Protein backbone atom coordinates (compact mmCIF):
# COMPACT_ATOMS: atom_id res chain seq x y z
CA MET A 1 4.27 -16.76 -12.90
CA GLU A 2 4.15 -13.04 -12.19
CA LEU A 3 4.05 -11.34 -8.79
CA THR A 4 3.12 -7.75 -7.93
CA ASP A 5 4.40 -5.62 -5.05
CA THR A 6 1.55 -3.19 -4.40
CA HIS A 7 3.54 -1.12 -1.90
CA SER A 8 7.24 -0.58 -2.54
CA HIS A 9 9.36 2.34 -1.33
CA ILE A 10 12.19 1.24 -3.63
CA TYR A 11 12.87 4.95 -4.18
CA ASP A 12 13.91 5.39 -0.53
CA GLU A 13 17.47 6.59 -0.01
CA VAL A 14 18.48 3.29 1.62
CA PHE A 15 18.44 1.81 -1.90
CA ASP A 16 20.67 4.50 -3.40
CA GLY A 17 23.66 2.17 -3.40
CA ASP A 18 22.03 -0.81 -5.11
CA ARG A 19 18.62 0.15 -6.49
CA ASP A 20 19.26 -1.35 -9.93
CA GLU A 21 20.38 -4.59 -8.32
CA ALA A 22 17.31 -4.67 -6.02
CA VAL A 23 14.98 -4.20 -8.98
CA ALA A 24 16.85 -6.92 -10.87
CA ARG A 25 16.53 -9.30 -7.89
CA ALA A 26 12.80 -8.61 -7.82
CA ALA A 27 12.53 -9.46 -11.52
CA GLU A 28 14.47 -12.67 -10.96
CA ALA A 29 11.97 -13.60 -8.23
CA GLY A 30 9.09 -13.07 -10.65
CA VAL A 31 8.06 -9.65 -9.35
CA THR A 32 7.19 -7.74 -12.52
CA THR A 33 5.26 -4.78 -11.08
CA LEU A 34 6.08 -2.30 -8.31
CA ILE A 35 3.54 0.25 -7.08
CA LEU A 36 5.32 3.29 -5.59
CA PRO A 37 3.26 5.12 -2.94
CA GLY A 38 3.57 8.87 -2.60
CA ILE A 39 4.45 10.29 0.82
CA SER A 40 4.96 14.05 0.65
CA SER A 41 6.36 16.81 -1.55
CA ALA A 42 9.83 16.11 -0.15
CA GLU A 43 9.82 12.54 -1.51
CA HIS A 44 7.83 13.20 -4.68
CA GLY A 45 10.79 13.91 -6.95
CA ARG A 46 12.65 10.77 -5.91
CA MET A 47 9.55 8.66 -6.41
CA VAL A 48 8.81 10.03 -9.89
CA GLU A 49 12.44 9.71 -10.93
CA CYS A 50 12.40 6.08 -9.82
CA ALA A 51 9.23 5.37 -11.81
CA ASP A 52 10.81 6.94 -14.90
CA ARG A 53 13.97 4.87 -14.43
CA TYR A 54 12.01 1.60 -14.55
CA PRO A 55 9.19 2.15 -17.07
CA GLY A 56 6.75 -0.73 -17.31
CA THR A 57 7.87 -1.97 -13.90
CA ALA A 58 7.46 0.91 -11.42
CA PHE A 59 4.18 2.84 -11.29
CA PRO A 60 3.93 6.11 -9.31
CA CYS A 61 1.22 7.28 -6.92
CA ILE A 62 0.73 10.62 -5.19
CA GLY A 63 -0.51 11.48 -1.71
CA LEU A 64 0.20 12.90 1.72
CA HIS A 65 1.12 10.35 4.39
CA PRO A 66 -0.53 10.92 7.78
CA THR A 67 2.77 11.23 9.64
CA ASP A 68 3.69 14.06 7.27
CA VAL A 69 0.62 16.06 8.27
CA ALA A 70 1.97 19.04 10.25
CA GLU A 71 1.65 22.82 10.41
CA ASN A 72 2.05 23.06 6.63
CA TRP A 73 -0.63 20.45 5.91
CA GLN A 74 -2.64 22.73 3.63
CA GLU A 75 0.44 23.47 1.53
CA GLU A 76 1.19 19.76 1.27
CA LEU A 77 -2.39 18.94 0.35
CA ASP A 78 -2.33 21.66 -2.30
CA PHE A 79 0.82 20.03 -3.70
CA VAL A 80 -1.09 16.78 -4.23
CA THR A 81 -3.99 18.56 -5.90
CA GLU A 82 -1.80 20.73 -8.12
CA HIS A 83 0.51 17.91 -9.25
CA LEU A 84 -2.12 15.24 -9.84
CA PRO A 85 -2.60 16.38 -13.48
CA ASP A 86 1.17 16.34 -14.17
CA ARG A 87 1.19 12.75 -15.39
CA ARG A 88 -0.62 9.47 -14.86
CA PHE A 89 -0.65 8.43 -11.24
CA TYR A 90 -2.05 5.04 -10.34
CA ALA A 91 -3.43 5.77 -6.87
CA ILE A 92 -3.87 8.44 -4.23
CA GLY A 93 -1.74 7.29 -1.36
CA GLU A 94 -0.29 6.55 0.96
CA ILE A 95 -3.02 8.28 2.96
CA GLY A 96 -4.82 7.58 6.21
CA LEU A 97 -4.39 8.03 9.94
CA ASP A 98 -1.47 7.30 12.28
CA PHE A 99 -1.77 7.96 16.01
CA TYR A 100 1.20 5.78 16.98
CA TRP A 101 3.75 8.58 17.18
CA SER A 102 1.53 11.52 18.08
CA ARG A 103 -2.05 12.77 18.12
CA GLU A 104 -1.01 16.42 17.91
CA PHE A 105 -2.47 16.83 14.43
CA GLU A 106 -5.34 14.37 14.76
CA ALA A 107 -7.99 16.76 13.47
CA GLU A 108 -5.78 17.76 10.55
CA GLN A 109 -5.02 14.11 9.72
CA ARG A 110 -8.73 13.37 9.59
CA GLU A 111 -9.42 16.30 7.27
CA VAL A 112 -6.49 15.49 4.97
CA PHE A 113 -7.56 11.84 4.82
CA ALA A 114 -11.15 12.71 3.92
CA ARG A 115 -10.17 15.27 1.32
CA GLN A 116 -7.79 12.86 -0.40
CA ILE A 117 -10.50 10.20 -0.52
CA GLU A 118 -12.74 12.76 -2.21
CA LEU A 119 -9.95 13.62 -4.63
CA ALA A 120 -9.45 9.95 -5.49
CA SER A 121 -13.17 9.43 -6.00
CA GLU A 122 -13.33 12.40 -8.37
CA ALA A 123 -10.32 11.10 -10.32
CA GLY A 124 -11.52 7.50 -10.39
CA LEU A 125 -8.34 6.34 -8.65
CA PRO A 126 -7.84 3.81 -5.87
CA VAL A 127 -6.55 4.87 -2.45
CA LEU A 128 -3.76 3.29 -0.41
CA ILE A 129 -4.89 3.49 3.21
CA HIS A 130 -2.42 3.56 6.09
CA SER A 131 -3.91 2.88 9.53
CA ARG A 132 -1.84 2.63 12.70
CA ASN A 133 -3.40 2.80 16.15
CA ALA A 134 -6.38 4.43 14.45
CA THR A 135 -8.83 1.73 13.32
CA ASP A 136 -11.96 3.29 14.82
CA ALA A 137 -11.01 6.75 13.57
CA VAL A 138 -10.44 5.41 10.05
CA PHE A 139 -13.95 3.98 10.06
CA GLU A 140 -15.31 7.31 11.31
CA VAL A 141 -13.74 9.12 8.35
CA LEU A 142 -14.96 6.47 5.93
CA GLU A 143 -18.44 6.89 7.40
CA ASP A 144 -18.21 10.64 6.79
CA VAL A 145 -17.47 10.11 3.08
CA LYS A 146 -19.84 7.21 2.62
CA GLY A 147 -21.71 7.59 -0.63
CA LEU A 148 -18.61 8.28 -2.66
CA GLU A 149 -17.34 5.58 -4.99
CA VAL A 150 -14.24 4.43 -3.14
CA LYS A 151 -11.82 1.65 -4.02
CA GLY A 152 -8.33 0.80 -2.90
CA ILE A 153 -6.11 -1.14 -0.53
CA PHE A 154 -5.88 -1.32 3.21
CA HIS A 155 -2.10 -1.25 3.34
CA ALA A 156 -0.25 -3.61 5.72
CA PHE A 157 -3.47 -5.20 6.84
CA SER A 158 -3.13 -7.05 10.14
CA GLY A 159 -6.64 -6.74 11.55
CA SER A 160 -9.20 -9.28 12.68
CA TYR A 161 -11.70 -11.07 10.47
CA GLU A 162 -14.38 -8.75 11.84
CA THR A 163 -12.31 -5.70 10.82
CA TYR A 164 -11.81 -7.20 7.36
CA ARG A 165 -15.55 -7.67 6.92
CA ARG A 166 -16.28 -4.17 8.21
CA CYS A 167 -13.85 -2.60 5.73
CA LEU A 168 -15.81 -4.10 2.87
CA ASP A 169 -18.86 -2.05 3.89
CA TYR A 170 -17.11 1.15 2.82
CA GLY A 171 -16.02 0.44 -0.73
CA ASP A 172 -14.33 -1.93 -3.13
CA PHE A 173 -11.36 -2.61 -0.91
CA LYS A 174 -8.50 -5.05 -1.17
CA PHE A 175 -6.08 -5.94 1.60
CA GLY A 176 -2.30 -5.66 1.42
CA ILE A 177 -0.70 -8.72 2.97
CA GLY A 178 2.97 -8.29 3.79
CA GLY A 179 5.81 -9.61 5.88
CA VAL A 180 3.84 -9.51 9.14
CA CYS A 181 2.03 -12.71 8.10
CA THR A 182 5.35 -14.58 8.46
CA TYR A 183 5.89 -13.49 12.09
CA LYS A 184 5.26 -15.77 15.04
CA LYS A 185 1.88 -15.14 16.68
CA ALA A 186 0.78 -12.90 13.80
CA GLY A 187 -2.99 -12.72 14.19
CA VAL A 188 -3.50 -12.02 10.50
CA ALA A 189 -2.16 -15.49 9.73
CA ASP A 190 -5.43 -16.86 11.14
CA VAL A 191 -7.49 -14.40 9.11
CA ILE A 192 -5.90 -14.97 5.69
CA PRO A 193 -7.47 -18.43 5.14
CA ARG A 194 -10.94 -16.93 5.80
CA MET A 195 -10.59 -14.03 3.38
CA SER A 196 -11.73 -14.17 -0.22
CA LEU A 197 -8.69 -14.71 -2.40
CA GLN A 198 -9.99 -11.97 -4.69
CA ASP A 199 -9.64 -9.51 -1.78
CA ILE A 200 -5.92 -10.16 -1.26
CA VAL A 201 -2.98 -8.36 -2.80
CA LEU A 202 0.68 -8.69 -1.84
CA GLU A 203 3.09 -6.01 -0.67
CA THR A 204 6.46 -5.59 0.99
CA ASP A 205 6.38 -1.98 2.26
CA CYS A 206 10.12 -2.17 1.65
CA PRO A 207 12.48 -1.21 3.16
CA TRP A 208 10.33 -1.94 6.25
CA LEU A 209 8.34 -4.93 7.61
CA THR A 210 10.81 -7.52 6.35
CA PRO A 211 9.47 -11.10 6.30
CA VAL A 212 11.03 -14.06 8.08
CA PRO A 213 13.74 -15.36 7.52
CA HIS A 214 15.19 -11.91 6.74
CA ARG A 215 13.55 -10.05 9.62
CA GLY A 216 15.96 -7.48 11.01
CA GLU A 217 17.43 -6.83 7.56
CA ARG A 218 16.39 -4.30 4.94
CA ASN A 219 13.26 -5.40 3.14
CA GLU A 220 13.08 -5.40 -0.67
CA SER A 221 10.54 -6.20 -3.36
CA SER A 222 12.07 -9.56 -4.24
CA TYR A 223 10.74 -10.81 -0.89
CA ILE A 224 7.19 -10.72 -2.26
CA ARG A 225 7.82 -14.31 -3.25
CA ILE A 226 8.38 -15.24 0.43
CA ILE A 227 5.10 -13.58 1.36
CA ALA A 228 3.28 -15.30 -1.50
CA GLU A 229 4.65 -18.66 -0.38
CA LYS A 230 3.41 -18.03 3.16
CA VAL A 231 -0.06 -17.05 1.95
CA ALA A 232 -0.16 -20.17 -0.24
CA ASP A 233 0.81 -22.32 2.74
CA LEU A 234 -1.81 -20.70 4.99
CA ARG A 235 -4.52 -21.26 2.39
CA GLY A 236 -3.37 -24.72 1.33
CA VAL A 237 -2.99 -23.83 -2.35
CA SER A 238 -0.14 -23.51 -4.82
CA LEU A 239 2.20 -20.54 -5.11
CA GLU A 240 1.08 -20.16 -8.73
CA GLU A 241 -2.57 -19.76 -7.68
CA ILE A 242 -1.67 -17.01 -5.22
CA ALA A 243 0.60 -15.26 -7.73
CA ASN A 244 -1.98 -15.38 -10.51
CA ALA A 245 -4.91 -14.25 -8.36
CA THR A 246 -3.17 -11.42 -6.54
CA THR A 247 -1.54 -10.08 -9.68
CA ALA A 248 -4.85 -10.14 -11.55
CA THR A 249 -6.52 -8.26 -8.70
CA ALA A 250 -3.76 -5.65 -8.60
CA ARG A 251 -3.80 -5.11 -12.36
CA LYS A 252 -7.56 -4.56 -12.35
CA LEU A 253 -7.42 -2.19 -9.37
CA PHE A 254 -4.63 -0.04 -10.78
CA GLY A 255 -5.71 -0.25 -14.41
CA LEU A 256 -2.49 -1.90 -15.57
């Protein structure tokens, strides 16, 4: 049985003291593949170094996160464009819109999001979409680029069944199910049984969004197994079925 973490920030500085051990714990839990999302130029070096440290396990992506869109957004976007040919990247992301902290750069976030979708379409790469307090705006941007061949993952999906179905109108999208599904009163727990299993991938978003029973602690990729067990329970199937299906979907999406 093999599990895949489609969204791991294992390169974050909070793992500096025990990164090797965290990766080893993930392997022991059956997690054989870690997808590393790109955030900004400031984090790019750490992310690439981490991917190189764990070849065959960690796979790098590149992108500009919406909360890193600021006055220098054009410079940051140019960084993505200029460094994309440096090596093989497996997705453009983490990209999207985030109006939780501020809407100061809303127009710039929209433009950066759209341009990175175009870049991914040109490169034939999937996108990792971050959406926080911005569902309608995300759909507006996707409507603007409709017609492009778009594929990817709605990261940390916690929307309604109606939102899930609407997302599928805009491309070949999968949905990242993470620790939130283990929380009490998590609405997505009611949606997961209604989704096509082929649309689901698993993620931790470590070191954040830690699943129960470790909520309040640092998250790590080994906890994918906890999330997989919860999804299996919600759908009334075996852990092996969830592991096999979600890993197969991830491998196809990322070309692994």
